[in-house]
Amino acid sequence: LEALAEICDQFTPSRSCHLTTRQDVQLYGIDRPRLPALLRRLAA
């Protein structure tokens, strides 16, 4: 959850995310060039 909060702060314009009916998390508005950094933070 801390990692998701950090990602929402740093990568999403709304500083938020969406919890789905498949028990997943969706993030919106990501700048494509920053996607590798986001994926590395998730993986960590």
All heavy atoms as atom14 arrays in JSON, in Angstrom:
{
  "sequence": "LEALAEICDQFTPSRSCHLTTRQDVQLYGIDRPRLPALLRRLAA",
  "atom14_mask": [
    [1, 1, 1, 1, 1, 1, 1, 1, 0, 0, 0, 0, 0, 0],
    [1, 1, 1, 1, 1, 1, 1, 1, 1, 0, 0, 0, 0, 0],
    [1, 1, 1, 1, 1, 0, 0, 0, 0, 0, 0, 0, 0, 0],
    [1, 1, 1, 1, 1, 1, 1, 1, 0, 0, 0, 0, 0, 0],
    [1, 1, 1, 1, 1, 0, 0, 0, 0, 0, 0, 0, 0, 0],
    [1, 1, 1, 1, 1, 1, 1, 1, 1, 0, 0, 0, 0, 0],
    [1, 1, 1, 1, 1, 1, 1, 1, 0, 0, 0, 0, 0, 0],
    [1, 1, 1, 1, 1, 1, 0, 0, 0, 0, 0, 0, 0, 0],
    [1, 1, 1, 1, 1, 1, 1, 1, 0, 0, 0, 0, 0, 0],
    [1, 1, 1, 1, 1, 1, 1, 1, 1, 0, 0, 0, 0, 0],
    [1, 1, 1, 1, 1, 1, 1, 1, 1, 1, 1, 0, 0, 0],
    [1, 1, 1, 1, 1, 1, 1, 0, 0, 0, 0, 0, 0, 0],
    [1, 1, 1, 1, 1, 1, 1, 0, 0, 0, 0, 0, 0, 0],
    [1, 1, 1, 1, 1, 1, 0, 0, 0, 0, 0, 0, 0, 0],
    [1, 1, 1, 1, 1, 1, 1, 1, 1, 1, 1, 0, 0, 0],
    [1, 1, 1, 1, 1, 1, 0, 0, 0, 0, 0, 0, 0, 0],
    [1, 1, 1, 1, 1, 1, 0, 0, 0, 0, 0, 0, 0, 0],
    [1, 1, 1, 1, 1, 1, 1, 1, 1, 1, 0, 0, 0, 0],
    [1, 1, 1, 1, 1, 1, 1, 1, 0, 0, 0, 0, 0, 0],
    [1, 1, 1, 1, 1, 1, 1, 0, 0, 0, 0, 0, 0, 0],
    [1, 1, 1, 1, 1, 1, 1, 0, 0, 0, 0, 0, 0, 0],
    [1, 1, 1, 1, 1, 1, 1, 1, 1, 1, 1, 0, 0, 0],
    [1, 1, 1, 1, 1, 1, 1, 1, 1, 0, 0, 0, 0, 0],
    [1, 1, 1, 1, 1, 1, 1, 1, 0, 0, 0, 0, 0, 0],
    [1, 1, 1, 1, 1, 1, 1, 0, 0, 0, 0, 0, 0, 0],
    [1, 1, 1, 1, 1, 1, 1, 1, 1, 0, 0, 0, 0, 0],
    [1, 1, 1, 1, 1, 1, 1, 1, 0, 0, 0, 0, 0, 0],
    [1, 1, 1, 1, 1, 1, 1, 1, 1, 1, 1, 1, 0, 0],
    [1, 1, 1, 1, 0, 0, 0, 0, 0, 0, 0, 0, 0, 0],
    [1, 1, 1, 1, 1, 1, 1, 1, 0, 0, 0, 0, 0, 0],
    [1, 1, 1, 1, 1, 1, 1, 1, 0, 0, 0, 0, 0, 0],
    [1, 1, 1, 1, 1, 1, 1, 1, 1, 1, 1, 0, 0, 0],
    [1, 1, 1, 1, 1, 1, 1, 0, 0, 0, 0, 0, 0, 0],
    [1, 1, 1, 1, 1, 1, 1, 1, 1, 1, 1, 0, 0, 0],
    [1, 1, 1, 1, 1, 1, 1, 1, 0, 0, 0, 0, 0, 0],
    [1, 1, 1, 1, 1, 1, 1, 0, 0, 0, 0, 0, 0, 0],
    [1, 1, 1, 1, 1, 0, 0, 0, 0, 0, 0, 0, 0, 0],
    [1, 1, 1, 1, 1, 1, 1, 1, 0, 0, 0, 0, 0, 0],
    [1, 1, 1, 1, 1, 1, 1, 1, 0, 0, 0, 0, 0, 0],
    [1, 1, 1, 1, 1, 1, 1, 1, 1, 1, 1, 0, 0, 0],
    [1, 1, 1, 1, 1, 1, 1, 1, 1, 1, 1, 0, 0, 0],
    [1, 1, 1, 1, 1, 1, 1, 1, 0, 0, 0, 0, 0, 0],
    [1, 1, 1, 1, 1, 0, 0, 0, 0, 0, 0, 0, 0, 0],
    [1, 1, 1, 1, 1, 0, 0, 0, 0, 0, 0, 0, 0, 0]
  ],
  "atom14_positions": [
    [[0.84, -1.21, 0.0], [0.0, 0.0, 0.0], [0.87, 1.25, 0.0], [0.53, 2.25, -0.66], [-0.93, 0.01, 1.21], [-2.19, -0.85, 1.17], [-3.11, -0.5, 2.32], [-2.93, -0.71, -0.15], [0.0, 0.0, 0.0], [0.0, 0.0, 0.0], [0.0, 0.0, 0.0], [0.0, 0.0, 0.0], [0.0, 0.0, 0.0], [0.0, 0.0, 0.0]],
    [[1.96, 1.23, 0.74], [2.89, 2.37, 0.74], [3.43, 2.62, -0.66], [3.53, 3.76, -1.11], [4.04, 2.1, 1.71], [3.69, 2.22, 3.18], [3.64, 3.66, 3.64], [3.92, 4.57, 2.82], [3.29, 3.88, 4.81], [0.0, 0.0, 0.0], [0.0, 0.0, 0.0], [0.0, 0.0, 0.0], [0.0, 0.0, 0.0], [0.0, 0.0, 0.0]],
    [[3.78, 1.53, -1.35], [4.29, 1.67, -2.71], [3.24, 2.26, -3.63], [3.53, 3.13, -4.46], [4.76, 0.3, -3.23], [0.0, 0.0, 0.0], [0.0, 0.0, 0.0], [0.0, 0.0, 0.0], [0.0, 0.0, 0.0], [0.0, 0.0, 0.0], [0.0, 0.0, 0.0], [0.0, 0.0, 0.0], [0.0, 0.0, 0.0], [0.0, 0.0, 0.0]],
    [[1.99, 1.79, -3.51], [0.91, 2.33, -4.34], [0.68, 3.81, -4.03], [0.43, 4.62, -4.93], [-0.37, 1.53, -4.12], [-0.39, 0.13, -4.74], [-1.61, -0.64, -4.26], [-0.38, 0.22, -6.26], [0.0, 0.0, 0.0], [0.0, 0.0, 0.0], [0.0, 0.0, 0.0], [0.0, 0.0, 0.0], [0.0, 0.0, 0.0], [0.0, 0.0, 0.0]],
    [[0.73, 4.17, -2.76], [0.55, 5.57, -2.38], [1.66, 6.43, -3.01], [1.39, 7.51, -3.55], [0.57, 5.71, -0.86], [0.0, 0.0, 0.0], [0.0, 0.0, 0.0], [0.0, 0.0, 0.0], [0.0, 0.0, 0.0], [0.0, 0.0, 0.0], [0.0, 0.0, 0.0], [0.0, 0.0, 0.0], [0.0, 0.0, 0.0], [0.0, 0.0, 0.0]],
    [[2.88, 5.95, -2.94], [4.01, 6.67, -3.53], [3.84, 6.82, -5.04], [4.1, 7.89, -5.61], [5.3, 5.91, -3.2], [6.56, 6.55, -3.71], [7.78, 5.7, -3.38], [7.85, 5.18, -2.25], [8.64, 5.56, -4.28], [0.0, 0.0, 0.0], [0.0, 0.0, 0.0], [0.0, 0.0, 0.0], [0.0, 0.0, 0.0], [0.0, 0.0, 0.0]],
    [[3.38, 5.75, -5.69], [3.18, 5.79, -7.13], [2.06, 6.77, -7.5], [2.18, 7.54, -8.47], [2.86, 4.38, -7.66], [4.14, 3.54, -7.65], [2.26, 4.41, -9.05], [3.91, 2.06, -7.86], [0.0, 0.0, 0.0], [0.0, 0.0, 0.0], [0.0, 0.0, 0.0], [0.0, 0.0, 0.0], [0.0, 0.0, 0.0], [0.0, 0.0, 0.0]],
    [[0.96, 6.75, -6.72], [-0.12, 7.71, -6.98], [0.38, 9.14, -6.85], [0.03, 10.01, -7.66], [-1.27, 7.48, -6.0], [-2.22, 5.98, -6.3], [0.0, 0.0, 0.0], [0.0, 0.0, 0.0], [0.0, 0.0, 0.0], [0.0, 0.0, 0.0], [0.0, 0.0, 0.0], [0.0, 0.0, 0.0], [0.0, 0.0, 0.0], [0.0, 0.0, 0.0]],
    [[1.21, 9.39, -5.84], [1.76, 10.73, -5.64], [2.66, 11.16, -6.8], [2.58, 12.29, -7.28], [2.59, 10.77, -4.35], [1.76, 11.16, -3.14], [0.73, 11.81, -3.33], [2.16, 10.81, -2.01], [0.0, 0.0, 0.0], [0.0, 0.0, 0.0], [0.0, 0.0, 0.0], [0.0, 0.0, 0.0], [0.0, 0.0, 0.0], [0.0, 0.0, 0.0]],
    [[3.49, 10.25, -7.26], [4.54, 10.62, -8.21], [4.15, 10.47, -9.68], [4.74, 11.13, -10.54], [5.79, 9.77, -7.95], [6.42, 10.02, -6.59], [7.68, 9.21, -6.39], [8.17, 8.56, -7.31], [8.22, 9.24, -5.18], [0.0, 0.0, 0.0], [0.0, 0.0, 0.0], [0.0, 0.0, 0.0], [0.0, 0.0, 0.0], [0.0, 0.0, 0.0]],
    [[3.17, 9.6, -9.97], [2.92, 9.26, -11.37], [1.51, 9.58, -11.88], [1.31, 9.58, -13.09], [3.19, 7.77, -11.6], [4.61, 7.36, -11.41], [5.06, 6.89, -10.18], [5.54, 7.45, -12.45], [6.38, 6.51, -9.99], [6.85, 7.06, -12.28], [7.28, 6.6, -11.04], [0.0, 0.0, 0.0], [0.0, 0.0, 0.0], [0.0, 0.0, 0.0]],
    [[0.52, 9.78, -11.0], [-0.85, 10.01, -11.48], [-1.26, 11.46, -11.25], [-1.0, 12.02, -10.17], [-1.85, 9.08, -10.78], [-1.98, 9.44, -9.4], [-1.41, 7.62, -10.88], [0.0, 0.0, 0.0], [0.0, 0.0, 0.0], [0.0, 0.0, 0.0], [0.0, 0.0, 0.0], [0.0, 0.0, 0.0], [0.0, 0.0, 0.0], [0.0, 0.0, 0.0]],
    [[-1.9, 12.11, -12.21], [-2.33, 13.51, -12.04], [-3.31, 13.69, -10.89], [-3.31, 14.73, -10.22], [-3.0, 13.82, -13.39], [-2.44, 12.83, -14.36], [-2.18, 11.59, -13.56], [0.0, 0.0, 0.0], [0.0, 0.0, 0.0], [0.0, 0.0, 0.0], [0.0, 0.0, 0.0], [0.0, 0.0, 0.0], [0.0, 0.0, 0.0], [0.0, 0.0, 0.0]],
    [[-4.14, 12.67, -10.63], [-5.16, 12.8, -9.59], [-4.67, 12.42, -8.2], [-5.39, 12.58, -7.22], [-6.36, 11.9, -9.93], [-5.96, 10.53, -9.93], [0.0, 0.0, 0.0], [0.0, 0.0, 0.0], [0.0, 0.0, 0.0], [0.0, 0.0, 0.0], [0.0, 0.0, 0.0], [0.0, 0.0, 0.0], [0.0, 0.0, 0.0], [0.0, 0.0, 0.0]],
    [[-3.45, 11.87, -8.1], [-2.9, 11.36, -6.85], [-3.85, 10.33, -6.22], [-4.08, 10.31, -5.01], [-2.61, 12.47, -5.85], [-1.54, 13.46, -6.27], [-1.2, 14.46, -5.18], [-0.68, 13.79, -3.99], [-1.29, 13.77, -2.8], [-2.47, 14.37, -2.66], [-0.75, 13.17, -1.77], [0.0, 0.0, 0.0], [0.0, 0.0, 0.0], [0.0, 0.0, 0.0]],
    [[-4.39, 9.47, -7.07], [-5.34, 8.46, -6.59], [-5.29, 7.24, -7.5], [-4.64, 7.26, -8.55], [-6.76, 9.03, -6.56], [-7.22, 9.32, -7.87], [0.0, 0.0, 0.0], [0.0, 0.0, 0.0], [0.0, 0.0, 0.0], [0.0, 0.0, 0.0], [0.0, 0.0, 0.0], [0.0, 0.0, 0.0], [0.0, 0.0, 0.0], [0.0, 0.0, 0.0]],
    [[-6.01, 6.2, -7.1], [-6.13, 5.0, -7.93], [-7.53, 4.42, -7.76], [-8.33, 4.91, -6.96], [-5.07, 3.96, -7.58], [-5.16, 3.34, -5.88], [0.0, 0.0, 0.0], [0.0, 0.0, 0.0], [0.0, 0.0, 0.0], [0.0, 0.0, 0.0], [0.0, 0.0, 0.0], [0.0, 0.0, 0.0], [0.0, 0.0, 0.0], [0.0, 0.0, 0.0]],
    [[-7.82, 3.38, -8.53], [-9.16, 2.79, -8.53], [-9.05, 1.3, -8.2], [-8.23, 0.58, -8.79], [-9.8, 2.98, -9.92], [-11.17, 2.39, -10.04], [-12.26, 2.91, -9.4], [-11.62, 1.3, -10.73], [-13.33, 2.18, -9.7], [-12.96, 1.19, -10.48], [0.0, 0.0, 0.0], [0.0, 0.0, 0.0], [0.0, 0.0, 0.0], [0.0, 0.0, 0.0]],
    [[-9.86, 0.84, -7.25], [-9.94, -0.57, -6.9], [-11.02, -1.23, -7.74], [-12.14, -0.71, -7.81], [-10.27, -0.74, -5.41], [-9.44, 0.09, -4.43], [-9.86, -0.2, -2.99], [-7.96, -0.16, -4.62], [0.0, 0.0, 0.0], [0.0, 0.0, 0.0], [0.0, 0.0, 0.0], [0.0, 0.0, 0.0], [0.0, 0.0, 0.0], [0.0, 0.0, 0.0]],
    [[-10.72, -2.34, -8.38], [-11.64, -2.93, -9.35], [-12.37, -4.14, -8.79], [-12.02, -4.68, -7.73], [-10.89, -3.36, -10.63], [-10.26, -4.64, -10.4], [-9.85, -2.34, -11.05], [0.0, 0.0, 0.0], [0.0, 0.0, 0.0], [0.0, 0.0, 0.0], [0.0, 0.0, 0.0], [0.0, 0.0, 0.0], [0.0, 0.0, 0.0], [0.0, 0.0, 0.0]],
    [[-13.35, -4.61, -9.54], [-14.1, -5.79, -9.14], [-13.3, -7.07, -9.3], [-13.75, -8.13, -8.86], [-15.4, -5.91, -9.97], [-15.08, -5.88, -11.37], [-16.36, -4.77, -9.65], [0.0, 0.0, 0.0], [0.0, 0.0, 0.0], [0.0, 0.0, 0.0], [0.0, 0.0, 0.0], [0.0, 0.0, 0.0], [0.0, 0.0, 0.0], [0.0, 0.0, 0.0]],
    [[-12.11, -7.01, -9.92], [-11.22, -8.17, -9.98], [-10.14, -8.1, -8.92], [-9.11, -8.76, -9.01], [-10.59, -8.32, -11.37], [-11.53, -9.0, -12.34], [-10.84, -9.97, -13.27], [-10.25, -11.12, -12.64], [-10.93, -12.15, -12.13], [-12.24, -12.14, -12.14], [-10.31, -13.17, -11.59], [0.0, 0.0, 0.0], [0.0, 0.0, 0.0], [0.0, 0.0, 0.0]],
    [[-10.37, -7.25, -7.91], [-9.43, -7.14, -6.79], [-8.05, -6.7, -7.28], [-7.02, -7.14, -6.78], [-9.39, -8.46, -6.01], [-10.73, -8.81, -5.36], [-10.85, -10.25, -4.91], [-11.65, -11.01, -5.43], [-10.05, -10.65, -3.93], [0.0, 0.0, 0.0], [0.0, 0.0, 0.0], [0.0, 0.0, 0.0], [0.0, 0.0, 0.0], [0.0, 0.0, 0.0]],
    [[-8.08, -5.83, -8.26], [-6.88, -5.23, -8.83], [-6.86, -3.74, -8.51], [-7.83, -3.19, -7.96], [-6.87, -5.38, -10.35], [-6.34, -6.74, -10.8], [-5.52, -7.32, -10.08], [-6.76, -7.21, -11.87], [0.0, 0.0, 0.0], [0.0, 0.0, 0.0], [0.0, 0.0, 0.0], [0.0, 0.0, 0.0], [0.0, 0.0, 0.0], [0.0, 0.0, 0.0]],
    [[-5.79, -3.08, -8.9], [-5.67, -1.63, -8.78], [-5.4, -1.06, -10.16], [-4.55, -1.57, -10.9], [-4.52, -1.24, -7.82], [-4.33, 0.27, -7.79], [-4.81, -1.76, -6.41], [0.0, 0.0, 0.0], [0.0, 0.0, 0.0], [0.0, 0.0, 0.0], [0.0, 0.0, 0.0], [0.0, 0.0, 0.0], [0.0, 0.0, 0.0], [0.0, 0.0, 0.0]],
    [[-6.12, -0.01, -10.53], [-5.89, 0.66, -11.8], [-5.36, 2.07, -11.56], [-5.85, 2.79, -10.68], [-7.18, 0.72, -12.64], [-7.6, -0.64, -13.17], [-8.86, -0.57, -14.03], [-9.59, 0.4, -14.01], [-9.11, -1.63, -14.77], [0.0, 0.0, 0.0], [0.0, 0.0, 0.0], [0.0, 0.0, 0.0], [0.0, 0.0, 0.0], [0.0, 0.0, 0.0]],
    [[-4.38, 2.45, -12.36], [-3.75, 3.77, -12.29], [-3.95, 4.47, -13.63], [-3.8, 3.85, -14.68], [-2.25, 3.63, -12.01], [-1.88, 2.86, -10.73], [-0.46, 2.33, -10.82], [-2.04, 3.76, -9.52], [0.0, 0.0, 0.0], [0.0, 0.0, 0.0], [0.0, 0.0, 0.0], [0.0, 0.0, 0.0], [0.0, 0.0, 0.0], [0.0, 0.0, 0.0]],
    [[-4.26, 5.76, -13.6], [-4.59, 6.48, -14.82], [-3.68, 7.69, -15.02], [-3.15, 8.26, -14.07], [-6.04, 6.97, -14.77], [-7.04, 5.89, -14.46], [-7.81, 5.93, -13.3], [-7.22, 4.81, -15.33], [-8.73, 4.94, -13.02], [-8.14, 3.82, -15.05], [-8.89, 3.87, -13.89], [-9.79, 2.88, -13.61], [0.0, 0.0, 0.0], [0.0, 0.0, 0.0]],
    [[-3.54, 8.07, -16.3], [-2.83, 9.31, -16.65], [-1.32, 9.21, -16.55], [-0.64, 10.22, -16.34], [0.0, 0.0, 0.0], [0.0, 0.0, 0.0], [0.0, 0.0, 0.0], [0.0, 0.0, 0.0], [0.0, 0.0, 0.0], [0.0, 0.0, 0.0], [0.0, 0.0, 0.0], [0.0, 0.0, 0.0], [0.0, 0.0, 0.0], [0.0, 0.0, 0.0]],
    [[-0.77, 8.01, -16.73], [0.68, 7.82, -16.6], [1.39, 8.35, -17.87], [1.01, 7.99, -18.99], [1.02, 6.33, -16.41], [0.15, 5.7, -15.32], [2.5, 6.17, -16.11], [0.28, 6.31, -13.97], [0.0, 0.0, 0.0], [0.0, 0.0, 0.0], [0.0, 0.0, 0.0], [0.0, 0.0, 0.0], [0.0, 0.0, 0.0], [0.0, 0.0, 0.0]],
    [[2.41, 9.15, -17.69], [3.23, 9.56, -18.83], [4.05, 8.36, -19.3], [4.77, 7.74, -18.51], [4.19, 10.69, -18.43], [3.46, 12.01, -18.22], [2.38, 12.17, -18.82], [3.95, 12.84, -17.44], [0.0, 0.0, 0.0], [0.0, 0.0, 0.0], [0.0, 0.0, 0.0], [0.0, 0.0, 0.0], [0.0, 0.0, 0.0], [0.0, 0.0, 0.0]],
    [[3.97, 8.04, -20.58], [4.63, 6.84, -21.09], [6.13, 6.78, -20.79], [6.65, 5.73, -20.43], [4.39, 6.72, -22.6], [2.99, 6.27, -22.94], [2.88, 5.9, -24.4], [1.53, 5.47, -24.73], [1.18, 5.0, -25.92], [2.08, 4.91, -26.87], [-0.06, 4.63, -26.15], [0.0, 0.0, 0.0], [0.0, 0.0, 0.0], [0.0, 0.0, 0.0]],
    [[6.88, 7.88, -20.95], [8.32, 7.78, -20.68], [8.64, 7.39, -19.23], [9.73, 6.9, -18.94], [8.84, 9.2, -20.99], [7.83, 9.76, -21.95], [6.52, 9.19, -21.5], [0.0, 0.0, 0.0], [0.0, 0.0, 0.0], [0.0, 0.0, 0.0], [0.0, 0.0, 0.0], [0.0, 0.0, 0.0], [0.0, 0.0, 0.0], [0.0, 0.0, 0.0]],
    [[7.68, 7.59, -18.32], [7.93, 7.31, -16.9], [7.47, 5.9, -16.52], [7.63, 5.5, -15.36], [7.21, 8.34, -16.04], [7.59, 9.79, -16.35], [7.01, 10.74, -15.33], [7.6, 10.53, -14.02], [7.04, 10.92, -12.88], [5.86, 11.51, -12.91], [7.64, 10.69, -11.72], [0.0, 0.0, 0.0], [0.0, 0.0, 0.0], [0.0, 0.0, 0.0]],
    [[6.91, 5.17, -17.47], [6.37, 3.86, -17.15], [7.42, 2.89, -16.61], [7.16, 2.16, -15.65], [5.68, 3.27, -18.39], [4.91, 1.97, -18.19], [3.83, 2.12, -17.13], [4.29, 1.51, -19.5], [0.0, 0.0, 0.0], [0.0, 0.0, 0.0], [0.0, 0.0, 0.0], [0.0, 0.0, 0.0], [0.0, 0.0, 0.0], [0.0, 0.0, 0.0]],
    [[8.64, 2.82, -17.18], [9.63, 1.88, -16.62], [9.91, 2.13, -15.14], [10.05, 1.18, -14.36], [10.87, 2.12, -17.49], [10.31, 2.62, -18.8], [9.13, 3.45, -18.42], [0.0, 0.0, 0.0], [0.0, 0.0, 0.0], [0.0, 0.0, 0.0], [0.0, 0.0, 0.0], [0.0, 0.0, 0.0], [0.0, 0.0, 0.0], [0.0, 0.0, 0.0]],
    [[9.99, 3.37, -14.74], [10.25, 3.7, -13.33], [9.09, 3.23, -12.46], [9.3, 2.72, -11.35], [10.48, 5.2, -13.17], [0.0, 0.0, 0.0], [0.0, 0.0, 0.0], [0.0, 0.0, 0.0], [0.0, 0.0, 0.0], [0.0, 0.0, 0.0], [0.0, 0.0, 0.0], [0.0, 0.0, 0.0], [0.0, 0.0, 0.0], [0.0, 0.0, 0.0]],
    [[7.87, 3.4, -12.96], [6.7, 2.94, -12.21], [6.73, 1.42, -12.04], [6.48, 0.9, -10.95], [5.43, 3.38, -12.94], [4.07, 3.1, -12.28], [3.04, 4.1, -12.78], [3.56, 1.69, -12.58], [0.0, 0.0, 0.0], [0.0, 0.0, 0.0], [0.0, 0.0, 0.0], [0.0, 0.0, 0.0], [0.0, 0.0, 0.0], [0.0, 0.0, 0.0]],
    [[7.04, 0.71, -13.12], [7.06, -0.75, -13.07], [8.14, -1.26, -12.12], [7.94, -2.26, -11.41], [7.28, -1.33, -14.47], [6.15, -1.07, -15.48], [6.52, -1.62, -16.84], [4.84, -1.68, -15.0], [0.0, 0.0, 0.0], [0.0, 0.0, 0.0], [0.0, 0.0, 0.0], [0.0, 0.0, 0.0], [0.0, 0.0, 0.0], [0.0, 0.0, 0.0]],
    [[9.28, -0.58, -12.09], [10.34, -0.98, -11.18], [9.9, -0.8, -9.72], [10.21, -1.62, -8.86], [11.62, -0.18, -11.46], [12.4, -0.67, -12.68], [13.79, -0.07, -12.72], [13.74, 1.36, -13.03], [13.8, 1.87, -14.26], [13.89, 1.05, -15.3], [13.76, 3.16, -14.46], [0.0, 0.0, 0.0], [0.0, 0.0, 0.0], [0.0, 0.0, 0.0]],
    [[9.16, 0.28, -9.46], [8.69, 0.53, -8.08], [7.67, -0.52, -7.68], [7.68, -1.01, -6.53], [8.07, 1.93, -7.98], [7.63, 2.3, -6.57], [8.82, 2.41, -5.64], [8.42, 2.62, -4.26], [8.23, 1.65, -3.36], [8.43, 0.38, -3.73], [7.89, 1.93, -2.13], [0.0, 0.0, 0.0], [0.0, 0.0, 0.0], [0.0, 0.0, 0.0]],
    [[6.78, -0.9, -8.6], [5.82, -1.97, -8.32], [6.54, -3.29, -8.03], [6.23, -3.99, -7.06], [4.87, -2.16, -9.5], [3.75, -1.15, -9.71], [3.01, -1.46, -10.99], [2.78, -1.16, -8.53], [0.0, 0.0, 0.0], [0.0, 0.0, 0.0], [0.0, 0.0, 0.0], [0.0, 0.0, 0.0], [0.0, 0.0, 0.0], [0.0, 0.0, 0.0]],
    [[7.51, -3.62, -8.87], [8.22, -4.88, -8.72], [8.95, -4.95, -7.39], [9.01, -6.01, -6.74], [9.2, -5.06, -9.88], [0.0, 0.0, 0.0], [0.0, 0.0, 0.0], [0.0, 0.0, 0.0], [0.0, 0.0, 0.0], [0.0, 0.0, 0.0], [0.0, 0.0, 0.0], [0.0, 0.0, 0.0], [0.0, 0.0, 0.0], [0.0, 0.0, 0.0]],
    [[9.5, -3.83, -6.95], [10.21, -3.8, -5.68], [9.29, -4.12, -4.51], [9.74, -4.61, -3.47], [10.86, -2.43, -5.48], [0.0, 0.0, 0.0], [0.0, 0.0, 0.0], [0.0, 0.0, 0.0], [0.0, 0.0, 0.0], [0.0, 0.0, 0.0], [0.0, 0.0, 0.0], [0.0, 0.0, 0.0], [0.0, 0.0, 0.0], [0.0, 0.0, 0.0]]
  ]
}
